[in-house]
Amino acid sequence: MMSGADRGRSDLGHLMQLAQAGDDIAYFRLLKDITPIIRAAVRRRLPRSQPADLEDVVQDVLVSVHAVRATYDPARPFLPWLLTITHNRAIDRFRKMSRIGVNETNVGEMLETFPQQPTNLSAEGYGDEEFLQREIAALPASQRRAIELLKIKELSLKEAAAESGITIANLKVLVHRAMKTLRSRIANDHDD
């Protein structure tokens, strides 16, 4: 003899069969009946989640059930099929929340990034426009031209290539070398 729970489970399978056959009323009843089951399963899988996140997973499961309802085999039990879908959607949500958590920083716990008093870069030899102009002027002509076009005039690589007749690849190399040289000279000047 079947218990009430077993009968309820077989009723869900029967409702799914009717829904697969196009019975809208059976489908509506099925969705209504499985929602609390899904919610409880999600709550067990993601116990520390916010209620809104849990409801998002429930909705994801319902959408998945709708999308894959044709794959349900009436010869097999309905509940394991449903709980497998629920488990997979809960895992998807857990992974998504983990990725978001890894990439987020709690701003409330951040230490002060910038000092209260602005740094006087000119007094330290940085930001001195004349110094920088002298260092750029001391670069080889091709590197100087690349810096002028790409960094000072802020042209795109394509525009700078058209204006200078230098290929995009060569412009990238020239700017890289020029920036490396400038960084080195600024660091050396600061050490003196």
N, C-alpha and C. Protein backbone atom coordinates (compact mmCIF):
# COMPACT_ATOMS: atom_id res chain seq x y z
N MET A 1 0.84 -1.18 0.00
CA MET A 1 0.00 0.00 0.00
C MET A 1 0.89 1.25 0.00
N MET A 2 0.53 2.28 -0.78
CA MET A 2 1.33 3.50 -0.91
C MET A 2 1.03 4.45 0.23
N SER A 3 2.11 5.08 0.77
CA SER A 3 1.92 6.11 1.79
C SER A 3 1.50 7.40 1.09
N GLY A 4 1.08 8.38 1.89
CA GLY A 4 0.66 9.66 1.31
C GLY A 4 1.79 10.35 0.57
N ALA A 5 3.01 10.26 1.12
CA ALA A 5 4.16 10.89 0.47
C ALA A 5 4.46 10.23 -0.86
N ASP A 6 4.40 8.86 -0.90
CA ASP A 6 4.65 8.15 -2.15
C ASP A 6 3.59 8.50 -3.18
N ARG A 7 2.34 8.59 -2.72
CA ARG A 7 1.25 8.93 -3.64
C ARG A 7 1.46 10.34 -4.18
N GLY A 8 1.90 11.27 -3.30
CA GLY A 8 2.16 12.64 -3.73
C GLY A 8 3.27 12.70 -4.76
N ARG A 9 4.30 11.88 -4.56
CA ARG A 9 5.41 11.85 -5.51
C ARG A 9 4.95 11.30 -6.85
N SER A 10 4.14 10.25 -6.81
CA SER A 10 3.67 9.69 -8.08
C SER A 10 2.69 10.64 -8.75
N ASP A 11 1.95 11.43 -7.92
CA ASP A 11 1.06 12.44 -8.49
C ASP A 11 1.86 13.48 -9.27
N LEU A 12 3.04 13.85 -8.75
CA LEU A 12 3.88 14.83 -9.45
C LEU A 12 4.31 14.27 -10.80
N GLY A 13 4.70 13.00 -10.81
CA GLY A 13 5.07 12.36 -12.07
C GLY A 13 3.91 12.32 -13.04
N HIS A 14 2.72 12.04 -12.50
CA HIS A 14 1.52 12.00 -13.35
C HIS A 14 1.20 13.40 -13.89
N LEU A 15 1.33 14.41 -13.02
CA LEU A 15 1.09 15.79 -13.48
C LEU A 15 2.08 16.17 -14.58
N MET A 16 3.32 15.74 -14.44
CA MET A 16 4.32 16.04 -15.47
C MET A 16 3.96 15.34 -16.77
N GLN A 17 3.48 14.11 -16.68
CA GLN A 17 3.04 13.39 -17.89
C GLN A 17 1.94 14.16 -18.59
N LEU A 18 0.96 14.62 -17.81
CA LEU A 18 -0.15 15.38 -18.39
C LEU A 18 0.36 16.70 -18.99
N ALA A 19 1.30 17.34 -18.29
CA ALA A 19 1.87 18.60 -18.79
C ALA A 19 2.62 18.36 -20.10
N GLN A 20 3.34 17.23 -20.19
CA GLN A 20 4.04 16.90 -21.43
C GLN A 20 3.06 16.70 -22.57
N ALA A 21 1.85 16.25 -22.23
CA ALA A 21 0.82 16.02 -23.25
C ALA A 21 0.08 17.31 -23.60
N GLY A 22 0.41 18.42 -22.91
CA GLY A 22 -0.20 19.70 -23.26
C GLY A 22 -1.28 20.17 -22.31
N ASP A 23 -1.47 19.52 -21.18
CA ASP A 23 -2.50 19.91 -20.21
C ASP A 23 -1.99 21.09 -19.38
N ASP A 24 -2.48 22.28 -19.68
CA ASP A 24 -2.03 23.50 -19.01
C ASP A 24 -2.40 23.53 -17.53
N ILE A 25 -3.58 23.03 -17.21
CA ILE A 25 -4.03 23.02 -15.81
C ILE A 25 -3.12 22.11 -14.98
N ALA A 26 -2.79 20.94 -15.52
CA ALA A 26 -1.89 20.02 -14.82
C ALA A 26 -0.51 20.65 -14.66
N TYR A 27 -0.06 21.36 -15.68
CA TYR A 27 1.26 22.00 -15.63
C TYR A 27 1.28 23.09 -14.56
N PHE A 28 0.22 23.91 -14.49
CA PHE A 28 0.13 24.95 -13.48
C PHE A 28 0.14 24.32 -12.08
N ARG A 29 -0.62 23.26 -11.89
CA ARG A 29 -0.68 22.58 -10.59
C ARG A 29 0.68 21.98 -10.25
N LEU A 30 1.35 21.40 -11.24
CA LEU A 30 2.68 20.83 -11.02
C LEU A 30 3.65 21.91 -10.53
N LEU A 31 3.68 23.03 -11.22
CA LEU A 31 4.58 24.12 -10.83
C LEU A 31 4.26 24.61 -9.42
N LYS A 32 2.98 24.71 -9.11
CA LYS A 32 2.55 25.14 -7.78
C LYS A 32 2.99 24.13 -6.72
N ASP A 33 2.87 22.85 -7.02
CA ASP A 33 3.21 21.80 -6.05
C ASP A 33 4.72 21.62 -5.88
N ILE A 34 5.50 21.84 -6.93
CA ILE A 34 6.94 21.60 -6.80
C ILE A 34 7.70 22.81 -6.24
N THR A 35 7.10 23.98 -6.28
CA THR A 35 7.80 25.18 -5.81
C THR A 35 8.26 25.06 -4.36
N PRO A 36 7.41 24.62 -3.41
CA PRO A 36 7.90 24.48 -2.03
C PRO A 36 8.99 23.41 -1.89
N ILE A 37 8.91 22.36 -2.70
CA ILE A 37 9.92 21.30 -2.68
C ILE A 37 11.26 21.87 -3.15
N ILE A 38 11.21 22.64 -4.22
CA ILE A 38 12.43 23.27 -4.76
C ILE A 38 13.01 24.23 -3.74
N ARG A 39 12.14 25.06 -3.15
CA ARG A 39 12.60 26.07 -2.19
C ARG A 39 13.31 25.40 -1.00
N ALA A 40 12.73 24.33 -0.49
CA ALA A 40 13.35 23.62 0.65
C ALA A 40 14.69 23.00 0.24
N ALA A 41 14.75 22.44 -0.95
CA ALA A 41 16.00 21.82 -1.42
C ALA A 41 17.09 22.88 -1.62
N VAL A 42 16.71 24.02 -2.15
CA VAL A 42 17.67 25.11 -2.37
C VAL A 42 18.16 25.63 -1.02
N ARG A 43 17.25 25.78 -0.07
CA ARG A 43 17.63 26.26 1.26
C ARG A 43 18.64 25.31 1.91
N ARG A 44 18.47 24.00 1.69
CA ARG A 44 19.43 23.03 2.23
C ARG A 44 20.78 23.14 1.53
N ARG A 45 20.76 23.39 0.22
CA ARG A 45 22.01 23.47 -0.56
C ARG A 45 22.77 24.77 -0.32
N LEU A 46 22.04 25.86 -0.12
CA LEU A 46 22.66 27.18 0.04
C LEU A 46 22.18 27.82 1.34
N PRO A 47 22.57 27.28 2.50
CA PRO A 47 22.01 27.74 3.77
C PRO A 47 22.36 29.18 4.15
N ARG A 48 23.45 29.71 3.64
CA ARG A 48 23.88 31.07 4.02
C ARG A 48 23.43 32.13 3.02
N SER A 49 22.62 31.76 2.07
CA SER A 49 22.21 32.70 1.03
C SER A 49 21.11 33.63 1.53
N GLN A 50 21.06 34.79 0.91
CA GLN A 50 20.00 35.74 1.18
C GLN A 50 18.69 35.22 0.59
N PRO A 51 17.54 35.59 1.17
CA PRO A 51 16.25 35.13 0.63
C PRO A 51 16.06 35.46 -0.85
N ALA A 52 16.52 36.62 -1.27
CA ALA A 52 16.37 36.99 -2.69
C ALA A 52 17.18 36.06 -3.59
N ASP A 53 18.38 35.67 -3.13
CA ASP A 53 19.20 34.73 -3.90
C ASP A 53 18.54 33.37 -3.98
N LEU A 54 17.93 32.93 -2.87
CA LEU A 54 17.23 31.65 -2.87
C LEU A 54 16.08 31.67 -3.87
N GLU A 55 15.33 32.76 -3.86
CA GLU A 55 14.20 32.86 -4.80
C GLU A 55 14.69 32.90 -6.25
N ASP A 56 15.84 33.52 -6.47
CA ASP A 56 16.42 33.51 -7.82
C ASP A 56 16.72 32.09 -8.28
N VAL A 57 17.26 31.28 -7.36
CA VAL A 57 17.57 29.89 -7.71
C VAL A 57 16.28 29.13 -7.97
N VAL A 58 15.25 29.35 -7.13
CA VAL A 58 13.96 28.69 -7.34
C VAL A 58 13.43 29.03 -8.73
N GLN A 59 13.51 30.29 -9.10
CA GLN A 59 13.04 30.70 -10.43
C GLN A 59 13.88 30.06 -11.53
N ASP A 60 15.20 29.98 -11.32
CA ASP A 60 16.07 29.32 -12.30
C ASP A 60 15.67 27.86 -12.48
N VAL A 61 15.35 27.20 -11.36
CA VAL A 61 14.95 25.79 -11.44
C VAL A 61 13.64 25.67 -12.20
N LEU A 62 12.67 26.53 -11.90
CA LEU A 62 11.38 26.47 -12.60
C LEU A 62 11.56 26.71 -14.10
N VAL A 63 12.42 27.64 -14.45
CA VAL A 63 12.69 27.89 -15.87
C VAL A 63 13.35 26.66 -16.50
N SER A 64 14.28 26.05 -15.77
CA SER A 64 14.94 24.85 -16.29
C SER A 64 13.96 23.70 -16.46
N VAL A 65 13.08 23.53 -15.47
CA VAL A 65 12.06 22.47 -15.57
C VAL A 65 11.22 22.70 -16.82
N HIS A 66 10.84 23.94 -17.04
CA HIS A 66 10.05 24.26 -18.23
C HIS A 66 10.83 23.94 -19.50
N ALA A 67 12.09 24.31 -19.51
CA ALA A 67 12.90 24.13 -20.72
C ALA A 67 13.18 22.67 -21.03
N VAL A 68 13.31 21.84 -19.99
CA VAL A 68 13.70 20.44 -20.23
C VAL A 68 12.59 19.45 -19.88
N ARG A 69 11.36 19.94 -19.77
CA ARG A 69 10.27 19.04 -19.37
C ARG A 69 10.09 17.87 -20.33
N ALA A 70 10.47 18.05 -21.57
CA ALA A 70 10.34 16.95 -22.54
C ALA A 70 11.32 15.82 -22.25
N THR A 71 12.35 16.08 -21.45
CA THR A 71 13.34 15.04 -21.16
C THR A 71 12.90 14.12 -20.02
N TYR A 72 11.85 14.50 -19.30
CA TYR A 72 11.39 13.65 -18.19
C TYR A 72 10.83 12.36 -18.75
N ASP A 73 11.29 11.25 -18.17
CA ASP A 73 10.83 9.91 -18.57
C ASP A 73 9.79 9.45 -17.56
N PRO A 74 8.52 9.33 -17.97
CA PRO A 74 7.46 8.93 -17.03
C PRO A 74 7.69 7.55 -16.40
N ALA A 75 8.54 6.73 -16.98
CA ALA A 75 8.82 5.42 -16.41
C ALA A 75 9.75 5.54 -15.19
N ARG A 76 10.32 6.70 -14.98
CA ARG A 76 11.25 6.89 -13.87
C ARG A 76 10.63 7.82 -12.84
N PRO A 77 11.11 7.81 -11.60
CA PRO A 77 10.56 8.68 -10.56
C PRO A 77 10.79 10.15 -10.89
N PHE A 78 9.80 10.96 -10.56
CA PHE A 78 9.85 12.39 -10.88
C PHE A 78 10.78 13.15 -9.93
N LEU A 79 10.68 12.87 -8.63
CA LEU A 79 11.40 13.66 -7.65
C LEU A 79 12.92 13.65 -7.84
N PRO A 80 13.56 12.52 -8.10
CA PRO A 80 15.01 12.57 -8.35
C PRO A 80 15.37 13.42 -9.57
N TRP A 81 14.54 13.37 -10.60
CA TRP A 81 14.74 14.20 -11.79
C TRP A 81 14.70 15.68 -11.41
N LEU A 82 13.68 16.05 -10.63
CA LEU A 82 13.52 17.44 -10.19
C LEU A 82 14.68 17.87 -9.29
N LEU A 83 15.05 17.01 -8.34
CA LEU A 83 16.11 17.37 -7.40
C LEU A 83 17.48 17.46 -8.07
N THR A 84 17.68 16.71 -9.13
CA THR A 84 18.93 16.82 -9.90
C THR A 84 19.01 18.19 -10.56
N ILE A 85 17.92 18.62 -11.14
CA ILE A 85 17.88 19.96 -11.76
C ILE A 85 18.11 21.02 -10.68
N THR A 86 17.44 20.86 -9.54
CA THR A 86 17.58 21.81 -8.43
C THR A 86 19.03 21.87 -7.95
N HIS A 87 19.63 20.71 -7.78
CA HIS A 87 21.03 20.63 -7.34
C HIS A 87 21.95 21.37 -8.33
N ASN A 88 21.74 21.13 -9.61
CA ASN A 88 22.60 21.75 -10.63
C ASN A 88 22.45 23.27 -10.64
N ARG A 89 21.21 23.77 -10.51
CA ARG A 89 21.01 25.22 -10.49
C ARG A 89 21.60 25.83 -9.22
N ALA A 90 21.49 25.12 -8.09
CA ALA A 90 22.07 25.62 -6.84
C ALA A 90 23.59 25.69 -6.95
N ILE A 91 24.20 24.68 -7.56
CA ILE A 91 25.65 24.69 -7.77
C ILE A 91 26.04 25.85 -8.68
N ASP A 92 25.27 26.07 -9.75
CA ASP A 92 25.55 27.20 -10.64
C ASP A 92 25.53 28.51 -9.87
N ARG A 93 24.53 28.69 -9.01
CA ARG A 93 24.42 29.93 -8.24
C ARG A 93 25.59 30.06 -7.26
N PHE A 94 25.95 28.95 -6.61
CA PHE A 94 27.07 28.96 -5.67
C PHE A 94 28.35 29.39 -6.38
N ARG A 95 28.58 28.84 -7.55
CA ARG A 95 29.79 29.21 -8.31
C ARG A 95 29.77 30.68 -8.69
N LYS A 96 28.60 31.15 -9.12
CA LYS A 96 28.48 32.55 -9.51
C LYS A 96 28.74 33.46 -8.31
N MET A 97 28.16 33.12 -7.17
CA MET A 97 28.36 33.93 -5.96
C MET A 97 29.81 33.88 -5.52
N SER A 98 30.47 32.74 -5.69
CA SER A 98 31.88 32.63 -5.33
C SER A 98 32.74 33.51 -6.22
N ARG A 99 32.44 33.51 -7.53
CA ARG A 99 33.21 34.36 -8.45
C ARG A 99 33.02 35.82 -8.10
N ILE A 100 31.80 36.20 -7.81
CA ILE A 100 31.53 37.60 -7.47
C ILE A 100 32.25 37.95 -6.18
N GLY A 101 32.20 37.07 -5.19
CA GLY A 101 32.85 37.32 -3.91
C GLY A 101 34.34 37.49 -4.03
N VAL A 102 34.97 36.72 -4.89
CA VAL A 102 36.42 36.81 -5.07
C VAL A 102 36.79 38.14 -5.71
N ASN A 103 35.94 38.66 -6.57
CA ASN A 103 36.26 39.88 -7.31
C ASN A 103 35.81 41.15 -6.60
N GLU A 104 35.12 41.03 -5.48
CA GLU A 104 34.63 42.21 -4.78
C GLU A 104 35.51 42.50 -3.57
N THR A 105 35.60 43.77 -3.23
CA THR A 105 36.34 44.20 -2.06
C THR A 105 35.39 44.95 -1.16
N ASN A 106 35.43 44.64 0.11
CA ASN A 106 34.59 45.33 1.07
C ASN A 106 35.22 46.69 1.34
N VAL A 107 34.60 47.74 0.85
CA VAL A 107 35.16 49.09 0.93
C VAL A 107 35.25 49.56 2.37
N GLY A 108 34.35 49.10 3.22
CA GLY A 108 34.36 49.52 4.61
C GLY A 108 35.62 49.12 5.35
N GLU A 109 36.28 48.08 4.91
CA GLU A 109 37.46 47.59 5.60
C GLU A 109 38.77 48.06 4.95
N MET A 110 38.67 48.85 3.89
CA MET A 110 39.89 49.28 3.20
C MET A 110 40.64 50.31 4.03
N LEU A 111 41.93 50.20 4.02
CA LEU A 111 42.77 51.20 4.66
C LEU A 111 42.84 52.42 3.76
N GLU A 112 43.30 53.52 4.31
CA GLU A 112 43.43 54.73 3.52
C GLU A 112 44.43 54.51 2.40
N THR A 113 44.00 54.78 1.19
CA THR A 113 44.85 54.56 0.03
C THR A 113 45.69 55.79 -0.28
N PHE A 114 45.11 56.95 -0.14
CA PHE A 114 45.80 58.18 -0.48
C PHE A 114 46.05 58.99 0.79
N PRO A 115 47.22 59.62 0.88
CA PRO A 115 47.50 60.42 2.07
C PRO A 115 46.60 61.66 2.11
N GLN A 116 46.45 62.21 3.32
CA GLN A 116 45.61 63.40 3.48
C GLN A 116 46.19 64.59 2.73
N GLN A 117 47.50 64.77 2.80
CA GLN A 117 48.14 65.89 2.13
C GLN A 117 48.58 65.48 0.74
N PRO A 118 48.23 66.25 -0.29
CA PRO A 118 48.69 65.89 -1.63
C PRO A 118 50.21 66.00 -1.71
N THR A 119 50.80 65.12 -2.44
CA THR A 119 52.25 65.10 -2.60
C THR A 119 52.65 66.16 -3.62
N ASN A 120 53.72 66.87 -3.32
CA ASN A 120 54.23 67.87 -4.24
C ASN A 120 55.21 67.18 -5.18
N LEU A 121 54.71 66.76 -6.32
CA LEU A 121 55.53 66.01 -7.25
C LEU A 121 56.65 66.86 -7.84
N SER A 122 56.39 68.13 -8.06
CA SER A 122 57.42 68.99 -8.65
C SER A 122 58.60 69.13 -7.71
N ALA A 123 58.36 69.25 -6.42
CA ALA A 123 59.44 69.39 -5.45
C ALA A 123 60.28 68.13 -5.38
N GLU A 124 59.70 66.99 -5.68
CA GLU A 124 60.44 65.73 -5.65
C GLU A 124 61.10 65.42 -6.98
N GLY A 125 60.90 66.26 -7.97
CA GLY A 125 61.51 66.01 -9.27
C GLY A 125 60.59 65.27 -10.22
N TYR A 126 59.41 64.90 -9.76
CA TYR A 126 58.44 64.24 -10.64
C TYR A 126 57.41 65.27 -11.03
N GLY A 127 56.85 65.12 -12.19
CA GLY A 127 55.83 66.05 -12.62
C GLY A 127 56.41 67.36 -13.11
N ASP A 128 57.73 67.48 -13.06
CA ASP A 128 58.40 68.68 -13.55
C ASP A 128 58.34 68.63 -15.07
N GLU A 129 57.57 69.54 -15.64
CA GLU A 129 57.34 69.52 -17.09
C GLU A 129 58.63 69.71 -17.88
N GLU A 130 59.48 70.59 -17.41
CA GLU A 130 60.75 70.82 -18.13
C GLU A 130 61.62 69.57 -18.10
N PHE A 131 61.69 68.91 -16.94
CA PHE A 131 62.47 67.69 -16.81
C PHE A 131 61.95 66.64 -17.79
N LEU A 132 60.64 66.47 -17.82
CA LEU A 132 60.04 65.47 -18.70
C LEU A 132 60.28 65.82 -20.17
N GLN A 133 60.15 67.09 -20.52
CA GLN A 133 60.41 67.50 -21.90
C GLN A 133 61.86 67.23 -22.30
N ARG A 134 62.79 67.49 -21.39
CA ARG A 134 64.21 67.21 -21.66
C ARG A 134 64.42 65.72 -21.89
N GLU A 135 63.81 64.90 -21.06
CA GLU A 135 63.99 63.45 -21.19
C GLU A 135 63.37 62.92 -22.48
N ILE A 136 62.22 63.46 -22.87
CA ILE A 136 61.59 63.05 -24.13
C ILE A 136 62.46 63.50 -25.30
N ALA A 137 62.99 64.72 -25.22
CA ALA A 137 63.85 65.24 -26.29
C ALA A 137 65.12 64.41 -26.44
N ALA A 138 65.57 63.78 -25.36
CA ALA A 138 66.80 62.97 -25.40
C ALA A 138 66.56 61.58 -25.99
N LEU A 139 65.30 61.21 -26.20
CA LEU A 139 65.00 59.90 -26.79
C LEU A 139 65.42 59.87 -28.26
N PRO A 140 65.68 58.68 -28.80
CA PRO A 140 65.91 58.58 -30.24
C PRO A 140 64.70 59.14 -31.00
N ALA A 141 64.93 59.67 -32.18
CA ALA A 141 63.88 60.37 -32.94
C ALA A 141 62.63 59.53 -33.14
N SER A 142 62.78 58.26 -33.47
CA SER A 142 61.60 57.42 -33.74
C SER A 142 60.79 57.19 -32.47
N GLN A 143 61.47 57.00 -31.32
CA GLN A 143 60.76 56.81 -30.05
C GLN A 143 60.07 58.11 -29.63
N ARG A 144 60.78 59.22 -29.82
CA ARG A 144 60.22 60.52 -29.48
C ARG A 144 58.96 60.78 -30.29
N ARG A 145 59.01 60.47 -31.59
CA ARG A 145 57.84 60.69 -32.48
C ARG A 145 56.67 59.82 -32.02
N ALA A 146 56.94 58.56 -31.66
CA ALA A 146 55.87 57.66 -31.21
C ALA A 146 55.23 58.19 -29.92
N ILE A 147 56.05 58.67 -28.99
CA ILE A 147 55.54 59.22 -27.73
C ILE A 147 54.69 60.46 -27.99
N GLU A 148 55.19 61.33 -28.87
CA GLU A 148 54.44 62.56 -29.18
C GLU A 148 53.07 62.24 -29.77
N LEU A 149 53.04 61.30 -30.70
CA LEU A 149 51.77 60.97 -31.36
C LEU A 149 50.80 60.24 -30.44
N LEU A 150 51.30 59.22 -29.73
CA LEU A 150 50.40 58.36 -28.97
C LEU A 150 50.13 58.85 -27.55
N LYS A 151 51.10 59.43 -26.90
CA LYS A 151 50.93 59.82 -25.50
C LYS A 151 50.61 61.30 -25.32
N ILE A 152 51.23 62.15 -26.13
CA ILE A 152 50.99 63.58 -25.96
C ILE A 152 49.77 64.02 -26.77
N LYS A 153 49.74 63.68 -28.06
CA LYS A 153 48.59 64.04 -28.89
C LYS A 153 47.41 63.09 -28.68
N GLU A 154 47.66 61.93 -28.06
CA GLU A 154 46.66 60.90 -27.77
C GLU A 154 45.94 60.41 -29.02
N LEU A 155 46.70 60.21 -30.10
CA LEU A 155 46.12 59.64 -31.31
C LEU A 155 45.96 58.14 -31.12
N SER A 156 45.04 57.56 -31.87
CA SER A 156 44.92 56.10 -31.85
C SER A 156 46.12 55.51 -32.60
N LEU A 157 46.36 54.23 -32.41
CA LEU A 157 47.46 53.58 -33.13
C LEU A 157 47.28 53.73 -34.63
N LYS A 158 46.06 53.57 -35.09
CA LYS A 158 45.79 53.66 -36.52
C LYS A 158 46.09 55.07 -37.04
N GLU A 159 45.65 56.09 -36.30
CA GLU A 159 45.89 57.47 -36.71
C GLU A 159 47.38 57.80 -36.68
N ALA A 160 48.06 57.35 -35.63
CA ALA A 160 49.50 57.61 -35.51
C ALA A 160 50.27 56.93 -36.63
N ALA A 161 49.87 55.72 -36.99
CA ALA A 161 50.53 55.00 -38.08
C ALA A 161 50.33 55.74 -39.39
N ALA A 162 49.12 56.25 -39.62
CA ALA A 162 48.84 56.98 -40.86
C ALA A 162 49.66 58.27 -40.92
N GLU A 163 49.76 58.97 -39.81
CA GLU A 163 50.47 60.25 -39.79
C GLU A 163 51.99 60.07 -39.89
N SER A 164 52.51 59.02 -39.28
CA SER A 164 53.96 58.86 -39.22
C SER A 164 54.53 57.96 -40.30
N GLY A 165 53.69 57.10 -40.87
CA GLY A 165 54.19 56.13 -41.84
C GLY A 165 54.87 54.94 -41.18
N ILE A 166 54.73 54.82 -39.86
CA ILE A 166 55.30 53.69 -39.11
C ILE A 166 54.19 52.68 -38.88
N THR A 167 54.51 51.40 -38.98
CA THR A 167 53.47 50.38 -38.78
C THR A 167 52.99 50.39 -37.33
N ILE A 168 51.79 49.87 -37.12
CA ILE A 168 51.22 49.81 -35.77
C ILE A 168 52.11 48.98 -34.85
N ALA A 169 52.59 47.85 -35.35
CA ALA A 169 53.46 46.99 -34.54
C ALA A 169 54.72 47.74 -34.11
N ASN A 170 55.33 48.47 -35.04
CA ASN A 170 56.54 49.22 -34.70
C ASN A 170 56.25 50.36 -33.73
N LEU A 171 55.08 51.00 -33.89
CA LEU A 171 54.70 52.05 -32.94
C LEU A 171 54.59 51.50 -31.53
N LYS A 172 53.99 50.33 -31.40
CA LYS A 172 53.86 49.70 -30.08
C LYS A 172 55.23 49.44 -29.46
N VAL A 173 56.14 48.91 -30.27
CA VAL A 173 57.49 48.62 -29.78
C VAL A 173 58.20 49.91 -29.39
N LEU A 174 58.10 50.93 -30.24
CA LEU A 174 58.78 52.20 -29.96
C LEU A 174 58.26 52.85 -28.68
N VAL A 175 56.95 52.83 -28.49
CA VAL A 175 56.37 53.43 -27.28
C VAL A 175 56.81 52.63 -26.05
N HIS A 176 56.79 51.31 -26.17
CA HIS A 176 57.21 50.47 -25.05
C HIS A 176 58.66 50.78 -24.65
N ARG A 177 59.53 50.85 -25.63
CA ARG A 177 60.95 51.13 -25.35
C ARG A 177 61.13 52.54 -24.78
N ALA A 178 60.40 53.49 -25.34
CA ALA A 178 60.51 54.87 -24.86
C ALA A 178 60.04 54.98 -23.41
N MET A 179 58.92 54.34 -23.10
CA MET A 179 58.40 54.39 -21.73
C MET A 179 59.36 53.72 -20.76
N LYS A 180 59.95 52.62 -21.18
CA LYS A 180 60.92 51.92 -20.33
C LYS A 180 62.12 52.82 -20.06
N THR A 181 62.60 53.49 -21.10
CA THR A 181 63.74 54.41 -20.96
C THR A 181 63.38 55.57 -20.04
N LEU A 182 62.20 56.15 -20.24
CA LEU A 182 61.79 57.28 -19.41
C LEU A 182 61.64 56.87 -17.94
N ARG A 183 61.04 55.71 -17.70
CA ARG A 183 60.91 55.23 -16.32
C ARG A 183 62.29 55.07 -15.67
N SER A 184 63.19 54.49 -16.42
CA SER A 184 64.55 54.27 -15.90
C SER A 184 65.23 55.60 -15.59
N ARG A 185 65.13 56.56 -16.49
CA ARG A 185 65.78 57.86 -16.28
C ARG A 185 65.16 58.61 -15.09
N ILE A 186 63.85 58.52 -14.97
CA ILE A 186 63.18 59.19 -13.85
C ILE A 186 63.61 58.54 -12.53
N ALA A 187 63.66 57.22 -12.51
CA ALA A 187 64.08 56.51 -11.29
C ALA A 187 65.53 56.84 -10.94
N ASN A 188 66.40 56.89 -11.95
CA ASN A 188 67.81 57.22 -11.71
C ASN A 188 67.96 58.65 -11.22
N ASP A 189 67.19 59.56 -11.80
CA ASP A 189 67.26 60.96 -11.40
C ASP A 189 66.79 61.11 -9.96
N HIS A 190 65.77 60.34 -9.59
CA HIS A 190 65.22 60.42 -8.23
C HIS A 190 66.21 59.86 -7.21
N ASP A 191 66.98 58.85 -7.61
CA ASP A 191 67.96 58.24 -6.71
C ASP A 191 69.14 59.17 -6.43
N ASP A 192 69.41 60.09 -7.35
CA ASP A 192 70.58 60.99 -7.21
C ASP A 192 70.38 62.02 -6.16
